Amino acid sequence: MNVTDRAPTRSAMLELGEEQRVVAEAYEFLDEKRLLLAAELLRQLERYELLIDEIEVLGRSARQQLVAAVQRHGLQELSVYPATPLAGVGIDLQQRNVMGVTLLDARLMRPDAEHRMPPVASQPSPEAEQCRAAFAGLLPKLTALAGISGNLYRLLAEYRRTERRARALENVILPEIEQALAQVSGYLEEMDLEDAIRVRIKTGR
């Protein structure tokens, strides 16, 4: 039932007043929620931008090391250079909740050095080893970046939902209730005035 369709009675006015209070509380909650979501979005975005800067620096270094390794071994020989074993490598995910949004802190988990030593190359070189180390150094940063990217996506989606709901309450529901209250209140005042006039006419005052 629309708020403007209610019969103009005192009980309807009380119901509208209670509904206005509940909706106002819901709006205050949503308003606070979107502020907290926005603050967390900014924190995650700051971490994202810092990681991007670090990855760009490491990426430039890795590319330089790759060029040096290719110049030393050639592309074909470098392509069969022993890789670092991935056995035991995993991702540790720490979860936390911010206003109903699950956030993940992703961290690369590696086995100890003894278990991740690559096979000995037939023609080892400092250039190839430095190239391998440079690209391996990117993995923890990229893992953390993946977690933050997901956080930003989920936070932004929840912020947009919260923003739509808050605006609907602020710009549609609350004004409708206020309008209905004003109409019912005005009608009741007119009825009270008519009753007062009727009584005066009957009593001759």
C-alpha atoms as a PDB file:
ATOM      1  CA  MET A   1       0.000   0.000   0.000  1.00  0.00           C
ATOM      2  CA  ASN A   2       1.398   3.387  -0.990  1.00  0.00           C
ATOM      3  CA  VAL A   3       1.907   5.878   1.837  1.00  0.00           C
ATOM      4  CA  THR A   4      -0.276   8.423   0.025  1.00  0.00           C
ATOM      5  CA  ASP A   5      -3.205   5.940  -0.195  1.00  0.00           C
ATOM      6  CA  ARG A   6      -3.804   5.637   3.550  1.00  0.00           C
ATOM      7  CA  ALA A   7      -7.017   6.819   5.142  1.00  0.00           C
ATOM      8  CA  PRO A   8      -6.451  10.181   6.890  1.00  0.00           C
ATOM      9  CA  THR A   9      -6.904   8.987  10.475  1.00  0.00           C
ATOM     10  CA  ARG A  10      -4.933   9.598  13.645  1.00  0.00           C
ATOM     11  CA  SER A  11      -3.806   5.971  13.715  1.00  0.00           C
ATOM     12  CA  ALA A  12      -2.548   6.368  10.136  1.00  0.00           C
ATOM     13  CA  MET A  13      -0.633   9.457  11.203  1.00  0.00           C
ATOM     14  CA  LEU A  14       0.992   7.515  14.056  1.00  0.00           C
ATOM     15  CA  GLU A  15       1.897   4.695  11.660  1.00  0.00           C
ATOM     16  CA  LEU A  16       3.411   7.158   9.217  1.00  0.00           C
ATOM     17  CA  GLY A  17       5.411   8.781  12.000  1.00  0.00           C
ATOM     18  CA  GLU A  18       6.796   5.402  13.063  1.00  0.00           C
ATOM     19  CA  GLU A  19       7.550   4.481   9.459  1.00  0.00           C
ATOM     20  CA  GLN A  20       9.348   7.786   8.995  1.00  0.00           C
ATOM     21  CA  ARG A  21      11.489   7.077  12.061  1.00  0.00           C
ATOM     22  CA  VAL A  22      12.412   3.570  10.847  1.00  0.00           C
ATOM     23  CA  VAL A  23      13.225   4.756   7.331  1.00  0.00           C
ATOM     24  CA  ALA A  24      15.305   7.644   8.700  1.00  0.00           C
ATOM     25  CA  GLU A  25      17.305   5.198  10.828  1.00  0.00           C
ATOM     26  CA  ALA A  26      17.809   2.960   7.786  1.00  0.00           C
ATOM     27  CA  TYR A  27      19.026   5.950   5.797  1.00  0.00           C
ATOM     28  CA  GLU A  28      21.471   6.943   8.558  1.00  0.00           C
ATOM     29  CA  PHE A  29      22.842   3.390   8.599  1.00  0.00           C
ATOM     30  CA  LEU A  30      23.256   3.314   4.817  1.00  0.00           C
ATOM     31  CA  ASP A  31      24.838   6.762   4.851  1.00  0.00           C
ATOM     32  CA  GLU A  32      27.367   5.651   7.463  1.00  0.00           C
ATOM     33  CA  LYS A  33      27.948   2.389   5.581  1.00  0.00           C
ATOM     34  CA  ARG A  34      28.788   4.138   2.320  1.00  0.00           C
ATOM     35  CA  LEU A  35      31.217   6.447   4.145  1.00  0.00           C
ATOM     36  CA  LEU A  36      33.001   3.449   5.670  1.00  0.00           C
ATOM     37  CA  LEU A  37      33.051   1.656   2.320  1.00  0.00           C
ATOM     38  CA  ALA A  38      34.456   4.760   0.637  1.00  0.00           C
ATOM     39  CA  ALA A  39      37.183   5.032   3.280  1.00  0.00           C
ATOM     40  CA  GLU A  40      38.154   1.377   2.791  1.00  0.00           C
ATOM     41  CA  LEU A  41      38.093   1.836  -0.978  1.00  0.00           C
ATOM     42  CA  LEU A  42      40.592   4.679  -0.641  1.00  0.00           C
ATOM     43  CA  ARG A  43      42.841   2.571   1.598  1.00  0.00           C
ATOM     44  CA  GLN A  44      42.781  -0.341  -0.819  1.00  0.00           C
ATOM     45  CA  LEU A  45      43.351   1.991  -3.779  1.00  0.00           C
ATOM     46  CA  GLU A  46      46.372   3.513  -2.061  1.00  0.00           C
ATOM     47  CA  ARG A  47      47.842   0.034  -1.516  1.00  0.00           C
ATOM     48  CA  TYR A  48      47.040  -0.848  -5.129  1.00  0.00           C
ATOM     49  CA  GLU A  49      48.847   2.222  -6.477  1.00  0.00           C
ATOM     50  CA  LEU A  50      51.882   1.581  -4.279  1.00  0.00           C
ATOM     51  CA  LEU A  51      52.086  -2.003  -5.508  1.00  0.00           C
ATOM     52  CA  ILE A  52      51.709  -0.891  -9.124  1.00  0.00           C
ATOM     53  CA  ASP A  53      54.656   1.484  -8.662  1.00  0.00           C
ATOM     54  CA  GLU A  54      56.763  -1.269  -7.089  1.00  0.00           C
ATOM     55  CA  ILE A  55      55.818  -3.744  -9.822  1.00  0.00           C
ATOM     56  CA  GLU A  56      56.734  -1.262 -12.528  1.00  0.00           C
ATOM     57  CA  VAL A  57      60.179  -0.779 -10.994  1.00  0.00           C
ATOM     58  CA  LEU A  58      60.708  -4.524 -10.606  1.00  0.00           C
ATOM     59  CA  GLY A  59      59.328  -5.136 -14.084  1.00  0.00           C
ATOM     60  CA  ARG A  60      61.787  -2.745 -15.692  1.00  0.00           C
ATOM     61  CA  SER A  61      64.633  -4.456 -13.879  1.00  0.00           C
ATOM     62  CA  ALA A  62      63.351  -7.904 -14.904  1.00  0.00           C
ATOM     63  CA  ARG A  63      63.132  -6.858 -18.538  1.00  0.00           C
ATOM     64  CA  GLN A  64      66.702  -5.596 -18.418  1.00  0.00           C
ATOM     65  CA  GLN A  65      67.839  -8.881 -16.904  1.00  0.00           C
ATOM     66  CA  LEU A  66      65.933 -10.779 -19.581  1.00  0.00           C
ATOM     67  CA  VAL A  67      67.639  -8.828 -22.341  1.00  0.00           C
ATOM     68  CA  ALA A  68      71.033  -9.553 -20.786  1.00  0.00           C
ATOM     69  CA  ALA A  69      70.217 -13.262 -20.449  1.00  0.00           C
ATOM     70  CA  VAL A  70      69.019 -13.496 -24.059  1.00  0.00           C
ATOM     71  CA  GLN A  71      72.163 -11.762 -25.256  1.00  0.00           C
ATOM     72  CA  ARG A  72      74.253 -14.289 -23.290  1.00  0.00           C
ATOM     73  CA  HIS A  73      72.402 -17.505 -24.167  1.00  0.00           C
ATOM     74  CA  GLY A  74      70.144 -16.747 -27.076  1.00  0.00           C
ATOM     75  CA  LEU A  75      66.364 -17.156 -26.927  1.00  0.00           C
ATOM     76  CA  GLN A  76      66.313 -20.896 -27.673  1.00  0.00           C
ATOM     77  CA  GLU A  77      68.934 -21.815 -25.085  1.00  0.00           C
ATOM     78  CA  LEU A  78      67.337 -19.561 -22.463  1.00  0.00           C
ATOM     79  CA  SER A  79      63.932 -21.170 -23.057  1.00  0.00           C
ATOM     80  CA  VAL A  80      65.273 -24.518 -21.792  1.00  0.00           C
ATOM     81  CA  TYR A  81      67.169 -23.028 -18.877  1.00  0.00           C
ATOM     82  CA  PRO A  82      66.056 -24.891 -15.698  1.00  0.00           C
ATOM     83  CA  ALA A  83      63.143 -23.141 -13.999  1.00  0.00           C
ATOM     84  CA  THR A  84      62.596 -22.738 -10.282  1.00  0.00           C
ATOM     85  CA  PRO A  85      60.386 -25.634  -9.043  1.00  0.00           C
ATOM     86  CA  LEU A  86      56.836 -24.649  -8.112  1.00  0.00           C
ATOM     87  CA  ALA A  87      56.258 -27.598  -5.784  1.00  0.00           C
ATOM     88  CA  GLY A  88      55.094 -26.323  -2.426  1.00  0.00           C
ATOM     89  CA  VAL A  89      54.273 -22.853  -3.721  1.00  0.00           C
ATOM     90  CA  GLY A  90      50.839 -21.643  -2.655  1.00  0.00           C
ATOM     91  CA  ILE A  91      48.797 -18.622  -1.679  1.00  0.00           C
ATOM     92  CA  ASP A  92      47.847 -17.777   1.884  1.00  0.00           C
ATOM     93  CA  LEU A  93      44.513 -15.929   2.061  1.00  0.00           C
ATOM     94  CA  GLN A  94      43.608 -13.967   5.172  1.00  0.00           C
ATOM     95  CA  GLN A  95      39.960 -12.888   5.252  1.00  0.00           C
ATOM     96  CA  ARG A  96      38.323  -9.987   7.021  1.00  0.00           C
ATOM     97  CA  ASN A  97      34.913  -8.382   6.775  1.00  0.00           C
ATOM     98  CA  VAL A  98      34.138  -4.706   6.204  1.00  0.00           C
ATOM     99  CA  MET A  99      30.421  -3.849   6.260  1.00  0.00           C
ATOM    100  CA  GLY A 100      29.460  -7.192   4.756  1.00  0.00           C
ATOM    101  CA  VAL A 101      32.229  -7.216   2.147  1.00  0.00           C
ATOM    102  CA  THR A 102      34.828  -9.989   2.360  1.00  0.00           C
ATOM    103  CA  LEU A 103      38.342  -8.630   1.882  1.00  0.00           C
ATOM    104  CA  LEU A 104      41.335 -10.844   1.174  1.00  0.00           C
ATOM    105  CA  ASP A 105      44.986 -10.318   1.981  1.00  0.00           C
ATOM    106  CA  ALA A 106      46.851 -12.596  -0.426  1.00  0.00           C
ATOM    107  CA  ARG A 107      50.410 -13.655   0.331  1.00  0.00           C
ATOM    108  CA  LEU A 108      52.642 -15.937  -1.708  1.00  0.00           C
ATOM    109  CA  MET A 109      53.810 -18.961   0.259  1.00  0.00           C
ATOM    110  CA  ARG A 110      57.095 -20.545  -0.807  1.00  0.00           C
ATOM    111  CA  PRO A 111      58.914 -23.587   0.522  1.00  0.00           C
ATOM    112  CA  ASP A 112      62.286 -23.050   2.132  1.00  0.00           C
ATOM    113  CA  ALA A 113      65.335 -22.558  -0.070  1.00  0.00           C
ATOM    114  CA  GLU A 114      66.385 -26.187   0.239  1.00  0.00           C
ATOM    115  CA  HIS A 115      63.183 -27.412  -1.444  1.00  0.00           C
ATOM    116  CA  ARG A 116      63.044 -24.827  -4.215  1.00  0.00           C
ATOM    117  CA  MET A 117      66.549 -25.079  -5.605  1.00  0.00           C
ATOM    118  CA  PRO A 118      66.327 -25.445  -9.397  1.00  0.00           C
ATOM    119  CA  PRO A 119      68.236 -28.137 -11.264  1.00  0.00           C
ATOM    120  CA  VAL A 120      71.781 -27.212 -12.167  1.00  0.00           C
ATOM    121  CA  ALA A 121      71.992 -25.726 -15.653  1.00  0.00           C
ATOM    122  CA  SER A 122      74.381 -27.268 -18.150  1.00  0.00           C
ATOM    123  CA  GLN A 123      75.698 -23.806 -18.957  1.00  0.00           C
ATOM    124  CA  PRO A 124      74.890 -21.597 -15.982  1.00  0.00           C
ATOM    125  CA  SER A 125      75.487 -17.867 -16.096  1.00  0.00           C
ATOM    126  CA  PRO A 126      75.055 -14.882 -13.761  1.00  0.00           C
ATOM    127  CA  GLU A 127      72.779 -13.237 -16.367  1.00  0.00           C
ATOM    128  CA  ALA A 128      70.344 -16.164 -16.423  1.00  0.00           C
ATOM    129  CA  GLU A 129      70.336 -16.503 -12.627  1.00  0.00           C
ATOM    130  CA  GLN A 130      69.705 -12.794 -12.171  1.00  0.00           C
ATOM    131  CA  CYS A 131      66.919 -12.956 -14.734  1.00  0.00           C
ATOM    132  CA  ARG A 132      65.268 -15.824 -12.884  1.00  0.00           C
ATOM    133  CA  ALA A 133      65.596 -14.032  -9.547  1.00  0.00           C
ATOM    134  CA  ALA A 134      64.190 -10.813 -10.974  1.00  0.00           C
ATOM    135  CA  PHE A 135      61.032 -12.461 -12.286  1.00  0.00           C
ATOM    136  CA  ALA A 136      60.654 -14.525  -9.109  1.00  0.00           C
ATOM    137  CA  GLY A 137      60.737 -11.276  -7.159  1.00  0.00           C
ATOM    138  CA  LEU A 138      57.642 -10.115  -9.005  1.00  0.00           C
ATOM    139  CA  LEU A 139      55.495 -13.020  -7.831  1.00  0.00           C
ATOM    140  CA  PRO A 140      54.816 -11.858  -4.226  1.00  0.00           C
ATOM    141  CA  LYS A 141      53.878  -8.384  -5.445  1.00  0.00           C
ATOM    142  CA  LEU A 142      51.605  -9.748  -8.155  1.00  0.00           C
ATOM    143  CA  THR A 143      49.939 -12.098  -5.664  1.00  0.00           C
ATOM    144  CA  ALA A 144      49.192  -9.216  -3.302  1.00  0.00           C
ATOM    145  CA  LEU A 145      47.960  -7.119  -6.224  1.00  0.00           C
ATOM    146  CA  ALA A 146      45.507  -9.849  -7.262  1.00  0.00           C
ATOM    147  CA  GLY A 147      43.988  -9.856  -3.766  1.00  0.00           C
ATOM    148  CA  ILE A 148      43.642  -6.080  -3.697  1.00  0.00           C
ATOM    149  CA  SER A 149      42.139  -6.007  -7.201  1.00  0.00           C
ATOM    150  CA  GLY A 150      39.391  -8.355  -6.029  1.00  0.00           C
ATOM    151  CA  ASN A 151      38.847  -6.247  -2.921  1.00  0.00           C
ATOM    152  CA  LEU A 152      38.397  -3.107  -5.008  1.00  0.00           C
ATOM    153  CA  TYR A 153      35.893  -4.840  -7.273  1.00  0.00           C
ATOM    154  CA  ARG A 154      33.776  -6.113  -4.367  1.00  0.00           C
ATOM    155  CA  LEU A 155      33.972  -2.856  -2.418  1.00  0.00           C
ATOM    156  CA  LEU A 156      32.956  -0.779  -5.418  1.00  0.00           C
ATOM    157  CA  ALA A 157      30.012  -3.071  -6.206  1.00  0.00           C
ATOM    158  CA  GLU A 158      28.772  -2.882  -2.604  1.00  0.00           C
ATOM    159  CA  TYR A 159      29.308   0.891  -2.487  1.00  0.00           C
ATOM    160  CA  ARG A 160      27.193   1.357  -5.615  1.00  0.00           C
ATOM    161  CA  ARG A 161      24.407  -0.824  -4.187  1.00  0.00           C
ATOM    162  CA  THR A 162      24.491   1.084  -0.911  1.00  0.00           C
ATOM    163  CA  GLU A 163      24.527   4.425  -2.733  1.00  0.00           C
ATOM    164  CA  ARG A 164      21.434   3.470  -4.770  1.00  0.00           C
ATOM    165  CA  ARG A 165      19.539   2.373  -1.668  1.00  0.00           C
ATOM    166  CA  ALA A 166      20.518   5.462   0.316  1.00  0.00           C
ATOM    167  CA  ARG A 167      19.482   7.771  -2.522  1.00  0.00           C
ATOM    168  CA  ALA A 168      16.171   5.945  -2.901  1.00  0.00           C
ATOM    169  CA  LEU A 169      15.402   6.459   0.787  1.00  0.00           C
ATOM    170  CA  GLU A 170      16.618  10.056   0.779  1.00  0.00           C
ATOM    171  CA  ASN A 171      15.040  11.230  -2.475  1.00  0.00           C
ATOM    172  CA  VAL A 172      11.958   9.015  -2.835  1.00  0.00           C
ATOM    173  CA  ILE A 173      10.735   7.184   0.269  1.00  0.00           C
ATOM    174  CA  LEU A 174      11.316   9.866   2.913  1.00  0.00           C
ATOM    175  CA  PRO A 175       9.782  12.673   0.794  1.00  0.00           C
ATOM    176  CA  GLU A 176       6.749  10.461   0.106  1.00  0.00           C
ATOM    177  CA  ILE A 177       6.265   9.822   3.828  1.00  0.00           C
ATOM    178  CA  GLU A 178       6.697  13.519   4.639  1.00  0.00           C
ATOM    179  CA  GLN A 179       4.149  14.421   1.980  1.00  0.00           C
ATOM    180  CA  ALA A 180       1.696  11.834   3.298  1.00  0.00           C
ATOM    181  CA  LEU A 181       2.173  13.108   6.855  1.00  0.00           C
ATOM    182  CA  ALA A 182       1.519  16.659   5.723  1.00  0.00           C
ATOM    183  CA  GLN A 183      -1.652  15.587   3.894  1.00  0.00           C
ATOM    184  CA  VAL A 184      -3.004  13.555   6.816  1.00  0.00           C
ATOM    185  CA  SER A 185      -2.076  16.273   9.282  1.00  0.00           C
ATOM    186  CA  GLY A 186      -3.771  18.937   7.148  1.00  0.00           C
ATOM    187  CA  TYR A 187      -6.902  16.817   6.755  1.00  0.00           C
ATOM    188  CA  LEU A 188      -7.105  16.152  10.504  1.00  0.00           C
ATOM    189  CA  GLU A 189      -6.685  19.870  11.249  1.00  0.00           C
ATOM    190  CA  GLU A 190      -9.527  20.645   8.857  1.00  0.00           C
ATOM    191  CA  MET A 191     -11.705  18.019  10.558  1.00  0.00           C
ATOM    192  CA  ASP A 192     -10.891  19.455  13.990  1.00  0.00           C
ATOM    193  CA  LEU A 193     -11.742  22.937  12.735  1.00  0.00           C
ATOM    194  CA  GLU A 194     -15.026  21.736  11.260  1.00  0.00           C
ATOM    195  CA  ASP A 195     -15.913  19.979  14.538  1.00  0.00           C
ATOM    196  CA  ALA A 196     -15.102  23.123  16.516  1.00  0.00           C
ATOM    197  CA  ILE A 197     -17.267  25.261  14.211  1.00  0.00           C
ATOM    198  CA  ARG A 198     -20.105  22.706  14.394  1.00  0.00           C
ATOM    199  CA  VAL A 199     -19.988  22.718  18.201  1.00  0.00           C
ATOM    200  CA  ARG A 200     -20.068  26.526  18.325  1.00  0.00           C
ATOM    201  CA  ILE A 201     -23.038  26.614  15.979  1.00  0.00           C
ATOM    202  CA  LYS A 202     -24.935  24.087  18.115  1.00  0.00           C
ATOM    203  CA  THR A 203     -24.167  25.899  21.356  1.00  0.00           C
ATOM    204  CA  GLY A 204     -24.817  29.304  19.841  1.00  0.00           C
ATOM    205  CA  ARG A 205     -21.396  30.639  20.818  1.00  0.00           C
END
